[in-house]
Protein backbone atom coordinates (compact mmCIF):
# COMPACT_ATOMS: atom_id res chain seq x y z
CA MET A 1 56.54 131.97 144.83
CA LYS A 2 55.25 131.76 141.19
CA LYS A 3 51.69 131.57 140.78
CA LYS A 4 50.52 127.91 139.42
CA LEU A 5 48.84 129.04 135.82
CA LEU A 6 47.76 125.28 134.59
CA GLU A 7 46.81 122.34 136.48
CA ILE A 8 46.04 119.05 134.80
CA LYS A 9 44.68 116.19 137.01
CA ASP A 10 44.43 112.57 136.03
CA LEU A 11 43.15 113.58 132.06
CA SER A 12 41.70 111.09 130.22
CA VAL A 13 40.48 111.61 126.04
CA SER A 14 39.17 108.85 123.83
CA PHE A 15 38.56 109.10 120.23
CA ASP A 16 35.21 107.10 119.49
CA THR A 17 35.36 105.67 115.61
CA TYR A 18 34.03 102.87 113.79
CA ALA A 19 36.81 100.62 114.27
CA GLY A 20 36.25 101.43 117.85
CA GLU A 21 37.58 103.67 121.09
CA ILE A 22 41.18 104.92 120.77
CA GLN A 23 42.38 105.81 124.50
CA ALA A 24 44.73 108.84 123.14
CA VAL A 25 45.31 110.15 126.75
CA ARG A 26 45.27 108.16 129.56
CA GLY A 27 45.42 109.51 132.87
CA VAL A 28 48.14 112.85 132.49
CA SER A 29 48.91 114.93 135.12
CA PHE A 30 51.34 117.73 135.29
CA ASP A 31 51.31 121.77 136.33
CA LEU A 32 52.43 125.17 134.64
CA TYR A 33 53.76 128.24 136.39
CA GLU A 34 53.80 131.22 135.26
CA GLY A 35 56.50 132.43 132.98
CA GLU A 36 57.75 128.81 132.93
CA THR A 37 58.42 126.73 129.77
CA ILE A 38 57.74 123.15 129.62
CA ALA A 39 58.37 120.60 127.15
CA ILE A 40 56.48 117.90 126.56
CA VAL A 41 58.53 114.90 123.96
CA GLY A 42 57.79 111.70 122.93
CA GLU A 43 57.46 110.10 119.57
CA SER A 44 54.14 110.31 117.06
CA GLY A 45 50.87 109.20 118.49
CA CYS A 46 51.99 109.21 122.30
CA GLY A 47 49.20 111.66 123.08
CA LYS A 48 51.62 115.07 123.10
CA SER A 49 48.98 116.94 120.62
CA VAL A 50 46.15 115.75 121.93
CA THR A 51 47.09 116.66 125.42
CA ALA A 52 48.05 120.02 124.25
CA LYS A 53 44.98 120.68 122.19
CA SER A 54 42.52 119.52 124.63
CA ILE A 55 43.86 122.31 126.89
CA MET A 56 41.85 125.05 124.02
CA ARG A 57 39.09 122.36 123.06
CA LEU A 58 40.42 121.81 119.94
CA ASN A 59 39.96 118.23 119.51
CA PRO A 60 36.64 117.94 117.78
CA GLU A 61 33.85 117.08 119.85
CA PRO A 62 32.61 114.28 119.10
CA PRO A 63 34.52 112.10 117.89
CA ALA A 64 36.90 113.18 120.50
CA ARG A 65 35.60 112.90 124.41
CA PHE A 66 36.67 113.24 127.55
CA LYS A 67 36.88 110.54 129.72
CA ASN A 68 38.26 111.83 133.20
CA GLY A 69 40.22 114.27 134.55
CA GLN A 70 40.10 118.13 135.24
CA ILE A 71 42.51 121.07 133.13
CA LEU A 72 42.36 123.74 135.74
CA PHE A 73 43.49 127.22 133.71
CA ASN A 74 43.71 129.90 136.58
CA GLY A 75 41.21 127.82 139.22
CA GLU A 76 38.73 127.12 136.38
CA ASP A 77 38.21 123.78 134.71
CA ILE A 78 38.52 124.15 130.79
CA VAL A 79 36.40 120.92 130.31
CA LYS A 80 33.23 122.74 131.98
CA LYS A 81 33.12 125.64 129.85
CA SER A 82 31.05 125.98 127.01
CA GLU A 83 31.75 126.61 123.32
CA LYS A 84 30.78 130.02 123.61
CA GLU A 85 33.07 130.67 126.54
CA MET A 86 35.85 128.99 124.93
CA ARG A 87 35.59 131.46 122.24
CA ASP A 88 36.87 133.90 124.63
CA VAL A 89 39.69 132.08 126.24
CA ARG A 90 41.07 130.96 122.60
CA GLY A 91 43.42 133.64 121.71
CA SER A 92 42.87 136.42 124.46
CA LYS A 93 44.07 133.86 127.32
CA ILE A 94 45.88 130.52 125.64
CA ALA A 95 47.45 130.72 122.03
CA ILE A 96 48.48 128.30 120.10
CA ILE A 97 51.54 127.87 116.91
CA PHE A 98 50.65 125.26 115.18
CA GLN A 99 53.05 122.63 113.21
CA ASP A 100 52.54 123.99 109.50
CA PRO A 101 51.86 127.72 109.10
CA MET A 102 51.13 127.35 105.73
CA THR A 103 48.21 125.13 106.46
CA SER A 104 47.15 127.22 109.44
CA LEU A 105 47.38 130.94 108.14
CA ASN A 106 44.35 131.66 105.66
CA PRO A 107 45.67 131.93 102.14
CA THR A 108 42.48 134.27 101.13
CA MET A 109 43.63 136.97 103.81
CA THR A 110 46.59 139.32 104.29
CA VAL A 111 48.80 138.32 106.80
CA GLY A 112 48.08 141.86 108.50
CA LYS A 113 44.39 141.39 108.24
CA GLN A 114 44.47 138.04 110.16
CA ILE A 115 46.71 139.44 113.23
CA VAL A 116 44.06 142.66 113.31
CA GLU A 117 41.07 139.89 113.44
CA GLY A 118 42.38 138.18 116.56
CA LEU A 119 42.99 141.43 117.88
CA LYS A 120 39.48 143.15 117.51
CA LYS A 121 37.61 139.91 118.22
CA HIS A 122 39.02 140.17 122.15
CA THR A 123 39.64 144.35 122.62
CA LYS A 124 37.30 146.98 121.91
CA ILE A 125 39.36 149.05 119.71
CA ASP A 126 39.31 150.78 116.07
CA ASN A 127 41.03 149.99 112.84
CA ALA A 128 43.68 152.41 113.09
CA ALA A 129 44.63 151.20 116.53
CA ALA A 130 44.49 147.87 115.54
CA LYS A 131 46.57 148.45 112.77
CA LYS A 132 49.33 149.70 114.85
CA ILE A 133 49.59 147.47 117.13
CA ALA A 134 49.52 144.71 114.83
CA LEU A 135 52.58 146.94 112.54
CA ASN A 136 54.44 146.81 115.95
CA MET A 137 53.87 143.04 116.64
CA LEU A 138 55.31 142.12 113.18
CA LYS A 139 58.13 144.42 113.97
CA THR A 140 58.72 142.38 117.31
CA VAL A 141 59.03 139.19 115.57
CA GLN A 142 61.49 140.44 113.68
CA ILE A 143 59.88 140.48 110.34
CA PRO A 144 61.38 143.25 107.91
CA ASN A 145 59.64 145.89 106.11
CA ALA A 146 56.40 145.20 108.16
CA GLU A 147 54.46 148.09 106.49
CA GLN A 148 54.50 146.49 103.03
CA ARG A 149 54.20 142.63 104.81
CA PHE A 150 51.30 143.92 106.44
CA ASN A 151 49.61 143.57 103.06
CA GLU A 152 50.83 140.35 101.53
CA TYR A 153 49.65 136.86 101.31
CA PRO A 154 50.77 133.99 103.33
CA HIS A 155 52.04 132.49 100.27
CA GLN A 156 54.54 135.56 99.63
CA PHE A 157 56.05 134.66 102.79
CA SER A 158 59.42 132.17 103.09
CA GLY A 159 58.80 129.38 105.71
CA GLY A 160 60.27 131.52 108.80
CA MET A 161 58.68 134.61 107.96
CA ARG A 162 55.37 132.61 107.77
CA GLN A 163 56.36 131.20 111.70
CA ARG A 164 56.85 134.48 112.88
CA ALA A 165 53.54 135.65 111.44
CA MET A 166 51.77 132.88 113.28
CA ILE A 167 53.69 134.13 116.67
CA ALA A 168 52.89 137.29 115.91
CA ILE A 169 48.74 136.13 115.81
CA ALA A 170 49.31 134.14 118.78
CA LEU A 171 50.91 136.87 120.75
CA VAL A 172 49.08 139.86 119.60
CA CYS A 173 46.69 139.75 122.86
CA ASN A 174 49.16 138.95 125.28
CA PRO A 175 48.17 135.33 126.38
CA GLN A 176 49.01 134.24 129.56
CA LEU A 177 49.56 130.86 128.13
CA LEU A 178 50.89 129.87 124.39
CA ILE A 179 51.35 126.07 123.33
CA ALA A 180 53.93 125.63 120.72
CA ASP A 181 53.43 122.22 118.56
CA GLU A 182 56.20 121.57 117.06
CA PRO A 183 56.80 124.98 115.79
CA THR A 184 60.37 124.59 113.99
CA THR A 185 59.85 120.97 112.61
CA ALA A 186 59.65 122.11 109.01
CA LEU A 187 62.34 125.03 109.37
CA ASP A 188 66.10 124.41 108.66
CA VAL A 189 68.59 124.92 111.71
CA THR A 190 69.06 128.36 111.08
CA ILE A 191 65.64 129.40 111.36
CA GLN A 192 64.77 127.16 114.39
CA ALA A 193 67.30 129.09 116.23
CA GLN A 194 65.61 132.32 115.42
CA ILE A 195 62.32 131.09 116.03
CA MET A 196 63.79 129.53 119.90
CA GLU A 197 65.40 133.06 120.64
CA LEU A 198 62.67 135.02 119.55
CA MET A 199 60.30 133.01 122.09
CA LYS A 200 62.28 133.25 124.47
CA ASP A 201 62.65 137.21 124.14
CA LEU A 202 58.89 137.40 123.84
CA GLN A 203 58.51 135.52 127.16
CA ASN A 204 60.86 137.51 128.92
CA LYS A 205 59.00 140.87 127.66
CA ILE A 206 55.70 139.62 128.65
CA ASN A 207 56.07 136.98 131.11
CA THR A 208 54.17 134.41 128.90
CA SER A 209 54.04 130.45 129.70
CA ILE A 210 55.07 128.23 127.37
CA ILE A 211 54.30 124.76 126.71
CA ILE A 212 56.02 123.00 123.94
CA ILE A 213 55.65 120.19 121.87
CA THR A 214 58.76 118.89 120.05
CA HIS A 215 60.83 116.01 118.95
CA ASP A 216 63.86 117.48 118.98
CA LEU A 217 66.08 116.91 122.49
CA GLY A 218 68.03 120.28 121.31
CA VAL A 219 65.15 122.41 121.25
CA VAL A 220 64.15 120.91 124.58
CA ALA A 221 67.66 121.74 126.12
CA GLU A 222 67.49 124.99 124.77
CA ILE A 223 64.32 126.60 126.08
CA SER A 224 62.43 124.34 128.47
CA GLN A 225 63.12 124.62 132.58
CA ARG A 226 60.84 121.24 132.99
CA VAL A 227 60.33 118.24 130.65
CA ILE A 228 57.46 115.70 130.15
CA VAL A 229 57.96 112.44 128.51
CA MET A 230 55.09 110.51 127.03
CA TYR A 231 54.67 107.25 126.01
CA GLY A 232 51.55 105.61 124.93
CA GLY A 233 49.56 108.12 126.29
CA LYS A 234 50.91 108.14 129.66
CA VAL A 235 53.60 110.49 131.28
CA VAL A 236 56.31 107.45 131.70
CA GLU A 237 58.60 110.55 133.32
CA TYR A 238 59.11 114.31 133.97
CA GLY A 239 61.61 116.63 135.79
CA SER A 240 63.71 119.53 135.14
CA THR A 241 65.64 119.53 132.18
CA ASP A 242 68.89 118.78 134.06
CA GLN A 243 67.19 115.98 135.81
CA ILE A 244 66.20 114.40 132.64
CA PHE A 245 69.68 115.09 130.72
CA TYR A 246 72.03 113.77 133.43
CA ASN A 247 69.79 111.63 135.10
CA SER A 248 66.90 109.93 133.66
CA LYS A 249 65.52 107.02 134.91
CA HIS A 250 63.23 105.59 132.48
CA PRO A 251 64.04 102.97 129.38
CA TYR A 252 62.01 105.15 127.28
CA THR A 253 63.86 108.10 127.97
CA TRP A 254 68.07 106.71 127.57
CA GLY A 255 66.17 105.41 123.91
CA LEU A 256 65.41 109.19 123.41
CA LEU A 257 68.92 110.38 124.64
CA SER A 258 70.60 107.71 122.43
CA SER A 259 68.95 108.64 119.34
CA VAL A 260 70.82 112.56 119.30
CA PRO A 261 73.66 113.01 117.70
CA ARG A 262 76.80 113.68 119.26
CA LEU A 263 79.77 115.69 118.23
CA ASP A 264 82.19 115.30 121.00
CA ILE A 265 82.45 111.20 120.50
CA VAL A 266 84.98 109.65 117.80
CA LYS A 267 83.31 108.24 115.08
CA GLU A 268 83.69 104.72 115.55
CA GLU A 269 81.56 105.54 119.06
CA ASN A 270 79.06 107.45 117.66
CA ARG A 271 76.09 105.09 116.40
CA LEU A 272 72.65 106.23 117.06
CA SER A 273 70.68 103.40 118.16
CA SER A 274 67.00 103.03 117.27
CA ILE A 275 64.09 101.60 119.51
CA GLU A 276 63.15 98.03 118.53
CA GLY A 277 59.67 97.59 118.11
CA THR A 278 56.42 99.39 117.49
CA PRO A 279 54.34 101.39 119.60
CA PRO A 280 51.36 99.69 121.55
CA ASP A 281 47.93 99.74 120.09
CA LEU A 282 46.08 102.40 121.75
CA PHE A 283 42.29 100.64 120.65
CA ALA A 284 43.58 97.80 123.11
CA PRO A 285 46.40 99.49 125.58
CA PRO A 286 48.41 97.26 127.60
CA SER A 287 47.45 96.67 131.44
CA GLY A 288 50.79 97.06 132.35
CA CYS A 289 53.83 99.30 131.17
CA PRO A 290 52.89 100.62 127.97
CA PHE A 291 57.10 100.28 127.15
CA SER A 292 57.37 97.08 128.21
CA ASP A 293 57.13 95.03 125.07
CA ARG A 294 59.94 96.99 123.39
CA CYS A 295 62.09 97.48 126.76
CA GLU A 296 65.22 95.05 126.88
CA TYR A 297 64.62 95.67 130.81
CA SER A 298 61.22 94.51 130.95
CA MET A 299 60.40 92.12 133.99
CA LYS A 300 56.96 89.91 134.43
CA ILE A 301 55.35 92.58 136.38
CA CYS A 302 55.81 95.43 133.65
CA ARG A 303 53.51 93.71 131.69
CA LYS A 304 50.91 92.93 134.33
CA GLU A 305 50.81 96.07 136.13
CA MET A 306 51.13 99.58 135.39
CA PRO A 307 54.06 101.22 137.58
CA GLU A 308 53.52 103.92 140.04
CA ASP A 309 55.33 107.22 139.44
CA PHE A 310 58.36 106.43 141.65
CA ASN A 311 60.14 109.69 143.17
CA ILE A 312 64.00 110.00 142.11
CA GLU A 313 64.14 113.49 143.79
CA LYS A 314 62.33 116.47 144.43
CA GLY A 315 60.13 117.37 141.17
CA HIS A 316 61.41 114.30 139.13
CA ALA A 317 59.70 110.84 138.64
CA ALA A 318 59.97 107.90 136.40
CA ALA A 319 56.65 105.72 136.30
CA CYS A 320 59.13 102.16 135.89
CA TRP A 321 59.60 99.29 138.37
CA LEU A 322 63.06 99.40 137.62
CA ASN A 323 62.78 102.12 140.48
CA HIS A 324 61.23 100.29 143.09
CA PRO A 325 63.53 99.23 146.01
CA GLU A 326 63.36 95.64 145.02
CA ALA A 327 63.88 96.03 140.98
CA PRO A 328 67.31 94.76 139.95
CA LYS A 329 69.89 97.28 139.30
CA VAL A 330 70.76 98.28 135.65
CA THR A 331 73.35 100.13 133.91
CA PRO A 332 71.51 102.65 130.93
CA SER A 333 73.87 101.32 127.91
CA ILE A 334 73.58 104.91 126.45
CA LYS A 335 76.43 107.74 126.02
CA THR A 336 74.06 110.57 126.40
CA ILE A 337 73.02 110.00 130.05
CA LYS A 338 75.65 112.86 130.79
CA LEU A 339 75.06 115.17 127.87
CA ASN A 340 75.41 118.90 129.15
CA THR A 341 72.02 120.81 128.44
CA SER A 342 74.75 123.49 127.22
CA ASP A 343 75.90 121.21 124.31
CA LYS A 344 74.90 122.05 121.05
CA ILE A 345 72.95 119.05 119.90
CA GLY A 346 70.11 118.29 117.29
CA GLY A 347 71.42 120.97 115.24
CA ASN A 348 70.84 124.39 117.55
């Protein structure tokens, strides 16, 4: 049985602002095993990136504040670590790939120097050995002419190559956990597919666990074994990729699936749906289900009380009152509920 690498238990993170407290993450819990890839999906502002950055303690404290919960990495609570202890964790044990490599890479340093910098910080090797490892990593992430590119600056790289350079920086110390925060958003679909394939190959080589944050359900189907759906700072559904695509049980998940373009439906029927309304105000989040104001199946109890996680099958649960034994039975009005995860969706 695979070892549990990461455990997040009832995590709540707020931001203290002049306008008041923003409750960005509210009671999030999930696990991650060695060599596993999970995807966190949801619309902007749902708490995906805040959750991921909390694992590395990258949210500025203050204004960020841990209100509750634990983040156990190899059994040690990240929340209780000092900044000095976290500097030893970042890069060597947990690494991150940010959404926009152009703003994440240092424009005043060569790409090679940026790779070597992290390597020398966490290992006791000389310059020659560090450069050799960095060149091998550039070749591993399929950057051509590695010797030449080693001495070039980020602005001399294309968008896809900058993202590959970010992956090289993140993986040069062989971290146990890689967090990819929307790693393909700014890339065209051809480069997206190459980056996803590269991440899978590297994972097979060094057995790194991956948390990928994305809006693209095509990326989810391509790379992840499990999916966590977030809305309004909460996890509203989780399960294996097949369970989420084949048998989702939360209206918000149905809405996400309905927004995926389909190539196997005739044009007259192939109309993308949208979710009416706006996300909840996290300055004063609702006491009930955060999706209730936008849900076509909403009941009185949905607005009054937050539903528990109803177990659908092993490893699959949804926080929706429709799954209560006494709730009325509804049929989702979506065409993508039986989507095969081997289909090419979302352009990938």
